[in-house]
Amino acid sequence: ALLQLDWQPLAGRRYAIRVKDLGLTFRFKVTPRGFSPDGGAPELSISASARDFALLMSRREDPDTLFFSRRLVSEGD
């Protein structure tokens, strides 16, 4: 499904995924060739606990429920 998306509007933008309880931050940029590590200031950060990210990935929880219960935080543009 990811191969079929139009990535052009996201190209060149910086993102961060923060795993709050583990103190991990993954920063990357979307390029025309895919994702690339990036150390710059993110334009969008998404934060949650490791457990909540695992629930999202396994589709046992939906993002809206986590967002409205303040367990998934989105900051930036």
N, C-alpha and C. Protein backbone atom coordinates (compact mmCIF):
# COMPACT_ATOMS: atom_id res chain seq x y z
N ALA A 1 0.82 -1.20 0.00
CA ALA A 1 0.00 0.00 0.00
C ALA A 1 0.87 1.26 0.00
N LEU A 2 2.03 1.23 0.67
CA LEU A 2 2.88 2.41 0.72
C LEU A 2 3.44 2.77 -0.66
N LEU A 3 3.65 1.78 -1.50
CA LEU A 3 4.18 2.05 -2.84
C LEU A 3 3.20 2.81 -3.71
N GLN A 4 1.92 2.72 -3.39
CA GLN A 4 0.89 3.36 -4.21
C GLN A 4 0.59 4.80 -3.77
N LEU A 5 1.13 5.22 -2.64
CA LEU A 5 0.88 6.57 -2.15
C LEU A 5 1.66 7.61 -2.94
N ASP A 6 1.11 8.83 -3.00
CA ASP A 6 1.81 9.96 -3.61
C ASP A 6 2.66 10.62 -2.52
N TRP A 7 3.95 10.37 -2.55
CA TRP A 7 4.87 10.87 -1.53
C TRP A 7 5.37 12.28 -1.83
N GLN A 8 5.08 12.81 -3.00
CA GLN A 8 5.62 14.12 -3.41
C GLN A 8 5.32 15.24 -2.41
N PRO A 9 4.09 15.36 -1.87
CA PRO A 9 3.84 16.45 -0.91
C PRO A 9 4.67 16.34 0.37
N LEU A 10 5.17 15.15 0.68
CA LEU A 10 5.96 14.95 1.90
C LEU A 10 7.46 15.07 1.67
N ALA A 11 7.88 15.06 0.42
CA ALA A 11 9.31 15.08 0.09
C ALA A 11 9.99 16.33 0.65
N GLY A 12 11.14 16.10 1.28
CA GLY A 12 11.94 17.19 1.84
C GLY A 12 11.53 17.59 3.25
N ARG A 13 10.48 17.04 3.77
CA ARG A 13 10.02 17.41 5.11
C ARG A 13 10.66 16.50 6.15
N ARG A 14 10.84 17.04 7.36
CA ARG A 14 11.49 16.32 8.45
C ARG A 14 10.46 15.87 9.49
N TYR A 15 10.67 14.66 10.01
CA TYR A 15 9.75 14.05 10.96
C TYR A 15 10.52 13.43 12.11
N ALA A 16 9.81 13.24 13.23
CA ALA A 16 10.39 12.53 14.37
C ALA A 16 9.33 11.61 14.97
N ILE A 17 9.75 10.41 15.29
CA ILE A 17 8.92 9.47 16.03
C ILE A 17 9.58 9.32 17.39
N ARG A 18 8.83 9.63 18.45
CA ARG A 18 9.39 9.59 19.80
C ARG A 18 8.71 8.49 20.61
N VAL A 19 9.53 7.60 21.15
CA VAL A 19 9.04 6.54 22.04
C VAL A 19 9.34 7.04 23.45
N LYS A 20 8.32 7.63 24.06
CA LYS A 20 8.52 8.37 25.30
C LYS A 20 9.11 7.56 26.44
N ASP A 21 8.57 6.37 26.69
CA ASP A 21 9.02 5.61 27.85
C ASP A 21 10.41 5.01 27.68
N LEU A 22 10.88 4.90 26.46
CA LEU A 22 12.23 4.37 26.21
C LEU A 22 13.25 5.47 25.97
N GLY A 23 12.80 6.71 25.84
CA GLY A 23 13.70 7.81 25.58
C GLY A 23 14.32 7.77 24.20
N LEU A 24 13.65 7.16 23.24
CA LEU A 24 14.16 7.04 21.87
C LEU A 24 13.49 8.04 20.94
N THR A 25 14.27 8.60 20.04
CA THR A 25 13.73 9.48 19.01
C THR A 25 14.33 9.07 17.68
N PHE A 26 13.47 8.82 16.71
CA PHE A 26 13.89 8.49 15.35
C PHE A 26 13.56 9.67 14.46
N ARG A 27 14.60 10.29 13.89
CA ARG A 27 14.41 11.45 13.02
C ARG A 27 14.73 11.05 11.59
N PHE A 28 13.86 11.48 10.68
CA PHE A 28 14.07 11.13 9.28
C PHE A 28 13.44 12.17 8.38
N LYS A 29 13.83 12.09 7.12
CA LYS A 29 13.30 12.98 6.10
C LYS A 29 12.77 12.10 4.97
N VAL A 30 11.70 12.55 4.33
CA VAL A 30 11.16 11.84 3.17
C VAL A 30 11.84 12.42 1.93
N THR A 31 12.42 11.55 1.13
CA THR A 31 13.08 11.97 -0.11
C THR A 31 12.36 11.30 -1.29
N PRO A 32 12.64 11.71 -2.50
CA PRO A 32 12.03 11.04 -3.65
C PRO A 32 12.37 9.55 -3.72
N ARG A 33 13.44 9.13 -3.05
CA ARG A 33 13.85 7.73 -3.08
C ARG A 33 13.45 6.95 -1.83
N GLY A 34 12.76 7.60 -0.89
CA GLY A 34 12.33 6.92 0.33
C GLY A 34 12.67 7.71 1.58
N PHE A 35 12.83 7.01 2.68
CA PHE A 35 13.14 7.63 3.96
C PHE A 35 14.65 7.72 4.13
N SER A 36 15.11 8.82 4.75
CA SER A 36 16.52 9.03 4.97
C SER A 36 16.72 9.57 6.40
N PRO A 37 17.71 9.06 7.14
CA PRO A 37 17.98 9.61 8.48
C PRO A 37 18.26 11.10 8.39
N ASP A 38 17.82 11.84 9.40
CA ASP A 38 18.00 13.29 9.37
C ASP A 38 18.11 13.80 10.80
N GLY A 39 19.06 14.67 11.06
CA GLY A 39 19.26 15.21 12.40
C GLY A 39 18.69 16.59 12.60
N GLY A 40 18.03 17.15 11.58
CA GLY A 40 17.48 18.50 11.70
C GLY A 40 16.24 18.56 12.57
N ALA A 41 15.78 19.77 12.81
CA ALA A 41 14.57 19.97 13.62
C ALA A 41 13.36 19.43 12.85
N PRO A 42 12.57 18.57 13.48
CA PRO A 42 11.42 17.99 12.78
C PRO A 42 10.29 19.01 12.60
N GLU A 43 9.58 18.87 11.49
CA GLU A 43 8.39 19.69 11.27
C GLU A 43 7.17 19.05 11.91
N LEU A 44 7.22 17.72 12.09
CA LEU A 44 6.14 16.99 12.74
C LEU A 44 6.75 15.93 13.64
N SER A 45 6.29 15.88 14.88
CA SER A 45 6.72 14.85 15.83
C SER A 45 5.50 14.06 16.29
N ILE A 46 5.65 12.75 16.32
CA ILE A 46 4.60 11.88 16.82
C ILE A 46 5.18 11.11 18.00
N SER A 47 4.50 11.20 19.15
CA SER A 47 5.00 10.59 20.39
C SER A 47 3.97 9.65 20.99
N ALA A 48 4.47 8.56 21.55
CA ALA A 48 3.64 7.60 22.28
C ALA A 48 4.57 6.67 23.05
N SER A 49 3.99 5.83 23.87
CA SER A 49 4.79 4.83 24.58
C SER A 49 5.08 3.66 23.63
N ALA A 50 6.06 2.84 23.99
CA ALA A 50 6.39 1.67 23.18
C ALA A 50 5.18 0.74 23.08
N ARG A 51 4.46 0.56 24.16
CA ARG A 51 3.28 -0.30 24.16
C ARG A 51 2.22 0.23 23.20
N ASP A 52 1.98 1.54 23.22
CA ASP A 52 0.97 2.11 22.34
C ASP A 52 1.37 2.01 20.87
N PHE A 53 2.66 2.21 20.57
CA PHE A 53 3.11 2.02 19.18
C PHE A 53 2.93 0.56 18.76
N ALA A 54 3.23 -0.37 19.68
CA ALA A 54 3.04 -1.80 19.37
C ALA A 54 1.56 -2.11 19.12
N LEU A 55 0.67 -1.51 19.89
CA LEU A 55 -0.76 -1.71 19.68
C LEU A 55 -1.19 -1.16 18.31
N LEU A 56 -0.64 -0.01 17.94
CA LEU A 56 -0.94 0.55 16.61
C LEU A 56 -0.46 -0.36 15.49
N MET A 57 0.77 -0.83 15.61
CA MET A 57 1.34 -1.67 14.55
C MET A 57 0.62 -3.00 14.41
N SER A 58 0.12 -3.52 15.52
CA SER A 58 -0.59 -4.80 15.47
C SER A 58 -2.08 -4.62 15.18
N ARG A 59 -2.49 -3.37 15.01
CA ARG A 59 -3.89 -3.01 14.71
C ARG A 59 -4.85 -3.43 15.82
N ARG A 60 -4.32 -3.47 17.04
CA ARG A 60 -5.17 -3.78 18.19
C ARG A 60 -5.75 -2.51 18.81
N GLU A 61 -5.25 -1.36 18.35
CA GLU A 61 -5.76 -0.06 18.80
C GLU A 61 -5.73 0.87 17.60
N ASP A 62 -6.70 1.78 17.54
CA ASP A 62 -6.70 2.71 16.41
C ASP A 62 -6.13 4.06 16.85
N PRO A 63 -5.56 4.81 15.91
CA PRO A 63 -4.90 6.07 16.26
C PRO A 63 -5.85 7.10 16.87
N ASP A 64 -7.10 7.14 16.43
CA ASP A 64 -8.04 8.13 16.98
C ASP A 64 -8.26 7.91 18.48
N THR A 65 -8.43 6.67 18.87
CA THR A 65 -8.64 6.37 20.29
C THR A 65 -7.43 6.81 21.11
N LEU A 66 -6.23 6.49 20.63
CA LEU A 66 -5.01 6.89 21.35
C LEU A 66 -4.84 8.40 21.36
N PHE A 67 -5.16 9.06 20.25
CA PHE A 67 -5.02 10.52 20.16
C PHE A 67 -5.97 11.21 21.14
N PHE A 68 -7.24 10.82 21.13
CA PHE A 68 -8.22 11.50 21.97
C PHE A 68 -8.06 11.15 23.45
N SER A 69 -7.38 10.06 23.75
CA SER A 69 -7.07 9.75 25.15
C SER A 69 -5.70 10.30 25.54
N ARG A 70 -5.09 11.08 24.65
CA ARG A 70 -3.79 11.75 24.86
C ARG A 70 -2.63 10.79 25.05
N ARG A 71 -2.76 9.59 24.50
CA ARG A 71 -1.67 8.61 24.56
C ARG A 71 -0.81 8.68 23.30
N LEU A 72 -1.35 9.28 22.25
CA LEU A 72 -0.62 9.53 21.00
C LEU A 72 -0.64 11.03 20.77
N VAL A 73 0.54 11.63 20.72
CA VAL A 73 0.64 13.09 20.63
C VAL A 73 1.29 13.45 19.30
N SER A 74 0.66 14.38 18.60
CA SER A 74 1.17 14.90 17.34
C SER A 74 1.45 16.38 17.53
N GLU A 75 2.69 16.81 17.22
CA GLU A 75 3.08 18.21 17.38
C GLU A 75 3.74 18.69 16.10
N GLY A 76 3.34 19.86 15.65
CA GLY A 76 3.96 20.46 14.47
C GLY A 76 3.01 20.52 13.31
N ASP A 77 3.62 20.66 12.13
CA ASP A 77 2.85 20.84 10.89
C ASP A 77 2.83 19.55 10.10
